[in-house]
Amino acid sequence: MLVFLGLTILLVGLVLLGFGSVRNKKLEQLTSSTNSWEVSGNLTSGHTYVMDISSSIQWKNDWAAAGGYDYSQPVDVIITSPDGSETELQAFFYTSPPTYGVNETYILGYFPSFIHVEYRSVDYDSLDVDTSYPQARFTVKKGGNYTARIKGETLNWTSGPPREMVFEEEVIDNPSSFTNLLEGSGVVCLFTGAVISVWMARAGKRTRIKRKSSARAKP
């Protein structure tokens, strides 16, 4: 019976430890630039960052003037590592086309948004990129100053720099006292369950040995 109790406590400990170890991630702005073709920031090795771009009023107006697009439009970006190596990517923007509202009022639509990214080349010595993330997300292998620059010479669906470019750092929220309690309780349960299971296993082994010894001693 105690064997099952030990296993149950072990299972409860694993569940509590799993829930207690969950941490919410959030993005905190590290550095930004306004009405500029580039942004630079001192990025720390081992940390994860997101490079995001916000379109300008000019980008919005040019999108509307073209009558909108049926597919996303690219913006060529180069991220330069501290040693001068480069990561090339395309940031794709999209928004709903301009429409006519009530009383045939012309509605320009929304600002084009950075919706997905495609990497052309990656400086794998400096960055570990996340291809599944909609914006440019990467973990830094070599700390130092990084610069993300838009190639204005290849920007053919609009003109002018974006409204804003940012480097955001991915950080973990401070755990609450409740999650700390869950995590601590999970560790206690794991230890208690392990002690009970080991003790019962040894006790069972001793019992089997005694039974064998008694059977051999009988005439």
C-alpha atoms as a PDB file:
ATOM      1  CA  MET A   1       0.000   0.000   0.000  1.00  0.00           C
ATOM      2  CA  LEU A   2       2.832   2.393   0.887  1.00  0.00           C
ATOM      3  CA  VAL A   3       4.417   1.719  -2.512  1.00  0.00           C
ATOM      4  CA  PHE A   4       1.367   3.162  -4.251  1.00  0.00           C
ATOM      5  CA  LEU A   5       1.372   6.086  -1.808  1.00  0.00           C
ATOM      6  CA  GLY A   6       4.978   6.861  -2.691  1.00  0.00           C
ATOM      7  CA  LEU A   7       4.279   6.710  -6.419  1.00  0.00           C
ATOM      8  CA  THR A   8       1.204   8.922  -5.960  1.00  0.00           C
ATOM      9  CA  ILE A   9       3.218  11.517  -4.064  1.00  0.00           C
ATOM     10  CA  LEU A  10       5.871  11.413  -6.796  1.00  0.00           C
ATOM     11  CA  LEU A  11       3.214  12.032  -9.443  1.00  0.00           C
ATOM     12  CA  VAL A  12       1.710  14.924  -7.465  1.00  0.00           C
ATOM     13  CA  GLY A  13       5.187  16.402  -7.089  1.00  0.00           C
ATOM     14  CA  LEU A  14       5.807  16.273 -10.830  1.00  0.00           C
ATOM     15  CA  VAL A  15       2.474  17.996 -11.518  1.00  0.00           C
ATOM     16  CA  LEU A  16       3.089  20.748  -8.942  1.00  0.00           C
ATOM     17  CA  LEU A  17       6.651  21.276 -10.180  1.00  0.00           C
ATOM     18  CA  GLY A  18       5.379  21.537 -13.765  1.00  0.00           C
ATOM     19  CA  PHE A  19       2.781  24.171 -12.923  1.00  0.00           C
ATOM     20  CA  GLY A  20       5.136  26.048 -10.626  1.00  0.00           C
ATOM     21  CA  SER A  21       7.913  26.247 -13.222  1.00  0.00           C
ATOM     22  CA  VAL A  22       5.684  27.925 -15.829  1.00  0.00           C
ATOM     23  CA  ARG A  23       6.841  31.493 -16.422  1.00  0.00           C
ATOM     24  CA  ASN A  24       5.186  34.176 -18.525  1.00  0.00           C
ATOM     25  CA  LYS A  25       7.418  35.830 -21.095  1.00  0.00           C
ATOM     26  CA  LYS A  26       7.093  39.457 -22.157  1.00  0.00           C
ATOM     27  CA  LEU A  27       8.913  41.895 -24.409  1.00  0.00           C
ATOM     28  CA  GLU A  28      10.644  44.971 -23.019  1.00  0.00           C
ATOM     29  CA  GLN A  29      11.920  47.628 -25.377  1.00  0.00           C
ATOM     30  CA  LEU A  30      15.698  47.817 -25.303  1.00  0.00           C
ATOM     31  CA  THR A  31      16.292  50.530 -27.897  1.00  0.00           C
ATOM     32  CA  SER A  32      14.400  52.252 -30.707  1.00  0.00           C
ATOM     33  CA  SER A  33      14.724  54.768 -33.513  1.00  0.00           C
ATOM     34  CA  THR A  34      12.085  57.061 -35.035  1.00  0.00           C
ATOM     35  CA  ASN A  35      11.888  58.030 -38.707  1.00  0.00           C
ATOM     36  CA  SER A  36      15.182  56.275 -39.329  1.00  0.00           C
ATOM     37  CA  TRP A  37      16.405  53.523 -41.639  1.00  0.00           C
ATOM     38  CA  GLU A  38      18.215  51.698 -38.849  1.00  0.00           C
ATOM     39  CA  VAL A  39      18.304  50.862 -35.147  1.00  0.00           C
ATOM     40  CA  SER A  40      21.263  49.774 -33.021  1.00  0.00           C
ATOM     41  CA  GLY A  41      21.509  48.139 -29.635  1.00  0.00           C
ATOM     42  CA  ASN A  42      23.981  46.466 -27.291  1.00  0.00           C
ATOM     43  CA  LEU A  43      22.653  42.888 -27.127  1.00  0.00           C
ATOM     44  CA  THR A  44      23.682  40.392 -24.444  1.00  0.00           C
ATOM     45  CA  SER A  45      24.923  36.898 -25.208  1.00  0.00           C
ATOM     46  CA  GLY A  46      22.397  34.193 -24.327  1.00  0.00           C
ATOM     47  CA  HIS A  47      19.429  36.579 -24.331  1.00  0.00           C
ATOM     48  CA  THR A  48      16.558  36.510 -26.837  1.00  0.00           C
ATOM     49  CA  TYR A  49      15.440  39.582 -28.794  1.00  0.00           C
ATOM     50  CA  VAL A  50      12.783  40.644 -31.293  1.00  0.00           C
ATOM     51  CA  MET A  51      13.413  43.223 -34.012  1.00  0.00           C
ATOM     52  CA  ASP A  52      10.152  44.905 -35.016  1.00  0.00           C
ATOM     53  CA  ILE A  53       9.255  47.621 -37.521  1.00  0.00           C
ATOM     54  CA  SER A  54       6.260  49.992 -37.462  1.00  0.00           C
ATOM     55  CA  SER A  55       5.089  51.463 -40.749  1.00  0.00           C
ATOM     56  CA  SER A  56       4.817  55.217 -41.244  1.00  0.00           C
ATOM     57  CA  ILE A  57       1.914  57.344 -42.469  1.00  0.00           C
ATOM     58  CA  GLN A  58       3.700  57.498 -45.835  1.00  0.00           C
ATOM     59  CA  TRP A  59       3.699  53.697 -46.017  1.00  0.00           C
ATOM     60  CA  LYS A  60      -0.005  53.649 -45.186  1.00  0.00           C
ATOM     61  CA  ASN A  61      -0.827  56.305 -47.786  1.00  0.00           C
ATOM     62  CA  ASP A  62       1.252  54.606 -50.479  1.00  0.00           C
ATOM     63  CA  TRP A  63      -0.507  51.306 -49.767  1.00  0.00           C
ATOM     64  CA  ALA A  64      -3.895  52.998 -50.139  1.00  0.00           C
ATOM     65  CA  ALA A  65      -2.827  54.929 -53.247  1.00  0.00           C
ATOM     66  CA  ALA A  66      -1.973  51.632 -54.930  1.00  0.00           C
ATOM     67  CA  GLY A  67      -5.458  50.345 -54.147  1.00  0.00           C
ATOM     68  CA  GLY A  68      -4.051  47.824 -51.710  1.00  0.00           C
ATOM     69  CA  TYR A  69      -2.294  44.566 -52.508  1.00  0.00           C
ATOM     70  CA  ASP A  70      -3.513  40.987 -52.673  1.00  0.00           C
ATOM     71  CA  TYR A  71      -0.358  39.762 -50.962  1.00  0.00           C
ATOM     72  CA  SER A  72       2.196  41.029 -48.464  1.00  0.00           C
ATOM     73  CA  GLN A  73       4.960  43.399 -49.534  1.00  0.00           C
ATOM     74  CA  PRO A  74       8.649  42.938 -48.622  1.00  0.00           C
ATOM     75  CA  VAL A  75      11.080  45.203 -46.821  1.00  0.00           C
ATOM     76  CA  ASP A  76      14.728  44.128 -47.092  1.00  0.00           C
ATOM     77  CA  VAL A  77      16.614  44.267 -43.788  1.00  0.00           C
ATOM     78  CA  ILE A  78      20.238  43.554 -42.881  1.00  0.00           C
ATOM     79  CA  ILE A  79      21.254  42.825 -39.273  1.00  0.00           C
ATOM     80  CA  THR A  80      24.961  43.467 -38.780  1.00  0.00           C
ATOM     81  CA  SER A  81      26.752  41.572 -35.998  1.00  0.00           C
ATOM     82  CA  PRO A  82      29.525  43.106 -33.845  1.00  0.00           C
ATOM     83  CA  ASP A  83      32.233  41.506 -36.031  1.00  0.00           C
ATOM     84  CA  GLY A  84      30.680  42.867 -39.236  1.00  0.00           C
ATOM     85  CA  SER A  85      28.969  39.647 -40.376  1.00  0.00           C
ATOM     86  CA  GLU A  86      25.451  40.019 -41.742  1.00  0.00           C
ATOM     87  CA  THR A  87      22.052  38.361 -41.489  1.00  0.00           C
ATOM     88  CA  GLU A  88      19.749  39.211 -44.403  1.00  0.00           C
ATOM     89  CA  LEU A  89      15.995  38.936 -44.160  1.00  0.00           C
ATOM     90  CA  GLN A  90      12.763  40.165 -45.693  1.00  0.00           C
ATOM     91  CA  ALA A  91      10.106  41.621 -43.422  1.00  0.00           C
ATOM     92  CA  PHE A  92       6.695  41.253 -45.066  1.00  0.00           C
ATOM     93  CA  PHE A  93       3.938  43.813 -44.467  1.00  0.00           C
ATOM     94  CA  TYR A  94       0.207  43.578 -45.055  1.00  0.00           C
ATOM     95  CA  THR A  95      -3.050  45.319 -44.210  1.00  0.00           C
ATOM     96  CA  SER A  96      -6.626  45.346 -45.434  1.00  0.00           C
ATOM     97  CA  PRO A  97      -7.225  47.266 -48.693  1.00  0.00           C
ATOM     98  CA  PRO A  98      -8.898  50.695 -48.629  1.00  0.00           C
ATOM     99  CA  THR A  99     -12.693  50.570 -48.704  1.00  0.00           C
ATOM    100  CA  TYR A 100     -15.759  52.780 -48.934  1.00  0.00           C
ATOM    101  CA  GLY A 101     -17.825  53.074 -45.784  1.00  0.00           C
ATOM    102  CA  VAL A 102     -21.201  54.612 -44.981  1.00  0.00           C
ATOM    103  CA  ASN A 103     -22.314  57.283 -47.467  1.00  0.00           C
ATOM    104  CA  GLU A 104     -19.436  56.260 -49.759  1.00  0.00           C
ATOM    105  CA  THR A 105     -16.880  57.711 -47.335  1.00  0.00           C
ATOM    106  CA  TYR A 106     -13.389  56.672 -48.417  1.00  0.00           C
ATOM    107  CA  ILE A 107     -11.525  54.726 -45.698  1.00  0.00           C
ATOM    108  CA  LEU A 108      -7.776  54.431 -46.074  1.00  0.00           C
ATOM    109  CA  GLY A 109      -7.537  51.262 -44.018  1.00  0.00           C
ATOM    110  CA  TYR A 110      -4.986  50.358 -41.379  1.00  0.00           C
ATOM    111  CA  PHE A 111      -1.239  50.761 -41.160  1.00  0.00           C
ATOM    112  CA  PRO A 112       0.603  47.896 -42.867  1.00  0.00           C
ATOM    113  CA  SER A 113       1.888  45.506 -40.208  1.00  0.00           C
ATOM    114  CA  PHE A 114       4.988  43.314 -40.033  1.00  0.00           C
ATOM    115  CA  ILE A 115       3.289  39.898 -40.333  1.00  0.00           C
ATOM    116  CA  HIS A 116       6.023  37.413 -41.234  1.00  0.00           C
ATOM    117  CA  VAL A 117       9.721  37.120 -41.999  1.00  0.00           C
ATOM    118  CA  GLU A 118      11.888  35.154 -44.403  1.00  0.00           C
ATOM    119  CA  TYR A 119      15.625  34.760 -43.849  1.00  0.00           C
ATOM    120  CA  ARG A 120      17.900  34.965 -46.887  1.00  0.00           C
ATOM    121  CA  SER A 121      21.149  34.338 -45.003  1.00  0.00           C
ATOM    122  CA  VAL A 122      22.020  33.994 -41.314  1.00  0.00           C
ATOM    123  CA  ASP A 123      25.202  34.695 -39.376  1.00  0.00           C
ATOM    124  CA  TYR A 124      24.922  31.481 -37.355  1.00  0.00           C
ATOM    125  CA  ASP A 125      28.096  32.272 -35.424  1.00  0.00           C
ATOM    126  CA  SER A 126      26.327  35.248 -33.847  1.00  0.00           C
ATOM    127  CA  LEU A 127      22.591  34.488 -33.959  1.00  0.00           C
ATOM    128  CA  ASP A 128      20.203  31.587 -33.529  1.00  0.00           C
ATOM    129  CA  VAL A 129      17.050  32.677 -35.384  1.00  0.00           C
ATOM    130  CA  ASP A 130      13.482  31.504 -34.726  1.00  0.00           C
ATOM    131  CA  THR A 131      11.939  30.903 -38.150  1.00  0.00           C
ATOM    132  CA  SER A 132       8.499  30.145 -36.665  1.00  0.00           C
ATOM    133  CA  TYR A 133       8.073  33.607 -35.088  1.00  0.00           C
ATOM    134  CA  PRO A 134       6.185  36.242 -37.162  1.00  0.00           C
ATOM    135  CA  GLN A 135       8.792  38.962 -36.574  1.00  0.00           C
ATOM    136  CA  ALA A 136      12.590  38.716 -36.455  1.00  0.00           C
ATOM    137  CA  ARG A 137      13.258  36.774 -33.234  1.00  0.00           C
ATOM    138  CA  PHE A 138      16.712  35.475 -32.355  1.00  0.00           C
ATOM    139  CA  THR A 139      18.974  34.421 -29.509  1.00  0.00           C
ATOM    140  CA  VAL A 140      22.359  36.118 -29.371  1.00  0.00           C
ATOM    141  CA  LYS A 141      25.466  33.939 -29.302  1.00  0.00           C
ATOM    142  CA  LYS A 142      27.987  36.788 -29.317  1.00  0.00           C
ATOM    143  CA  GLY A 143      27.214  39.866 -27.250  1.00  0.00           C
ATOM    144  CA  GLY A 144      27.897  43.353 -28.569  1.00  0.00           C
ATOM    145  CA  ASN A 145      26.452  46.095 -30.716  1.00  0.00           C
ATOM    146  CA  TYR A 146      24.001  44.962 -33.410  1.00  0.00           C
ATOM    147  CA  THR A 147      22.468  47.157 -36.111  1.00  0.00           C
ATOM    148  CA  ALA A 148      19.324  46.434 -38.128  1.00  0.00           C
ATOM    149  CA  ARG A 149      19.151  48.491 -41.328  1.00  0.00           C
ATOM    150  CA  ILE A 150      16.404  48.715 -43.947  1.00  0.00           C
ATOM    151  CA  LYS A 151      17.666  48.767 -47.540  1.00  0.00           C
ATOM    152  CA  GLY A 152      15.817  51.832 -48.788  1.00  0.00           C
ATOM    153  CA  GLU A 153      17.174  51.327 -52.302  1.00  0.00           C
ATOM    154  CA  THR A 154      15.112  48.138 -52.728  1.00  0.00           C
ATOM    155  CA  LEU A 155      11.903  49.456 -51.157  1.00  0.00           C
ATOM    156  CA  ASN A 156       9.735  49.722 -54.277  1.00  0.00           C
ATOM    157  CA  TRP A 157       6.133  49.683 -52.962  1.00  0.00           C
ATOM    158  CA  THR A 158       6.558  52.756 -50.759  1.00  0.00           C
ATOM    159  CA  SER A 159       9.088  55.427 -49.846  1.00  0.00           C
ATOM    160  CA  GLY A 160      10.707  56.940 -46.798  1.00  0.00           C
ATOM    161  CA  PRO A 161      11.822  55.345 -43.534  1.00  0.00           C
ATOM    162  CA  PRO A 162       9.446  53.547 -41.155  1.00  0.00           C
ATOM    163  CA  ARG A 163       7.826  55.270 -38.207  1.00  0.00           C
ATOM    164  CA  GLU A 164       9.833  53.206 -35.746  1.00  0.00           C
ATOM    165  CA  MET A 165      12.332  50.368 -35.505  1.00  0.00           C
ATOM    166  CA  VAL A 166      12.911  48.600 -32.188  1.00  0.00           C
ATOM    167  CA  PHE A 167      14.990  45.931 -30.490  1.00  0.00           C
ATOM    168  CA  GLU A 168      12.921  44.291 -27.755  1.00  0.00           C
ATOM    169  CA  GLU A 169      14.322  41.904 -25.166  1.00  0.00           C
ATOM    170  CA  GLU A 170      12.371  38.823 -24.163  1.00  0.00           C
ATOM    171  CA  VAL A 171      12.246  38.635 -20.366  1.00  0.00           C
ATOM    172  CA  ILE A 172      10.499  36.396 -17.858  1.00  0.00           C
ATOM    173  CA  ASP A 173       8.001  37.910 -15.458  1.00  0.00           C
ATOM    174  CA  ASN A 174       8.912  37.736 -11.791  1.00  0.00           C
ATOM    175  CA  PRO A 175       7.254  34.608 -10.394  1.00  0.00           C
ATOM    176  CA  SER A 176       4.416  35.165  -7.929  1.00  0.00           C
ATOM    177  CA  SER A 177       4.435  33.776  -4.399  1.00  0.00           C
ATOM    178  CA  PHE A 178       1.811  31.246  -5.524  1.00  0.00           C
ATOM    179  CA  THR A 179       3.988  29.811  -8.304  1.00  0.00           C
ATOM    180  CA  ASN A 180       6.924  29.716  -5.891  1.00  0.00           C
ATOM    181  CA  LEU A 181       4.738  27.805  -3.423  1.00  0.00           C
ATOM    182  CA  LEU A 182       3.731  25.319  -6.124  1.00  0.00           C
ATOM    183  CA  GLU A 183       7.325  24.804  -7.171  1.00  0.00           C
ATOM    184  CA  GLY A 184       8.496  24.354  -3.576  1.00  0.00           C
ATOM    185  CA  SER A 185       5.660  21.948  -2.799  1.00  0.00           C
ATOM    186  CA  GLY A 186       6.508  19.971  -5.911  1.00  0.00           C
ATOM    187  CA  VAL A 187      10.120  19.542  -4.784  1.00  0.00           C
ATOM    188  CA  VAL A 188       8.980  18.419  -1.309  1.00  0.00           C
ATOM    189  CA  CYS A 189       6.540  15.897  -2.784  1.00  0.00           C
ATOM    190  CA  LEU A 190       9.174  14.517  -5.140  1.00  0.00           C
ATOM    191  CA  PHE A 191      11.621  14.059  -2.273  1.00  0.00           C
ATOM    192  CA  THR A 192       9.004  12.508   0.034  1.00  0.00           C
ATOM    193  CA  GLY A 193       7.699  10.162  -2.657  1.00  0.00           C
ATOM    194  CA  ALA A 194      11.203   9.058  -3.572  1.00  0.00           C
ATOM    195  CA  VAL A 195      12.101   8.346   0.073  1.00  0.00           C
ATOM    196  CA  ILE A 196       8.927   6.293   0.612  1.00  0.00           C
ATOM    197  CA  SER A 197       9.407   4.354  -2.629  1.00  0.00           C
ATOM    198  CA  VAL A 198      13.069   3.552  -1.885  1.00  0.00           C
ATOM    199  CA  TRP A 199      12.281   2.586   1.714  1.00  0.00           C
ATOM    200  CA  MET A 200       9.458   0.286   0.646  1.00  0.00           C
ATOM    201  CA  ALA A 201      11.609  -1.299  -2.078  1.00  0.00           C
ATOM    202  CA  ARG A 202      14.351  -2.076   0.451  1.00  0.00           C
ATOM    203  CA  ALA A 203      11.852  -3.304   3.009  1.00  0.00           C
ATOM    204  CA  GLY A 204      10.313  -5.628   0.423  1.00  0.00           C
ATOM    205  CA  LYS A 205      13.731  -6.940  -0.524  1.00  0.00           C
ATOM    206  CA  ARG A 206      14.584  -7.682   3.126  1.00  0.00           C
ATOM    207  CA  THR A 207      11.244  -9.480   3.572  1.00  0.00           C
ATOM    208  CA  ARG A 208      11.905 -11.687   0.546  1.00  0.00           C
ATOM    209  CA  ILE A 209      15.371 -12.560   1.829  1.00  0.00           C
ATOM    210  CA  LYS A 210      13.988 -13.510   5.249  1.00  0.00           C
ATOM    211  CA  ARG A 211      11.336 -15.721   3.656  1.00  0.00           C
ATOM    212  CA  LYS A 212      13.954 -17.508   1.569  1.00  0.00           C
ATOM    213  CA  SER A 213      16.179 -18.002   4.614  1.00  0.00           C
ATOM    214  CA  SER A 214      13.271 -19.399   6.636  1.00  0.00           C
ATOM    215  CA  ALA A 215      12.313 -21.795   3.813  1.00  0.00           C
ATOM    216  CA  ARG A 216      15.873 -23.140   3.641  1.00  0.00           C
ATOM    217  CA  ALA A 217      16.047 -23.609   7.427  1.00  0.00           C
ATOM    218  CA  LYS A 218      13.011 -25.909   7.508  1.00  0.00           C
ATOM    219  CA  PRO A 219      13.867 -29.693   7.569  1.00  0.00           C
END
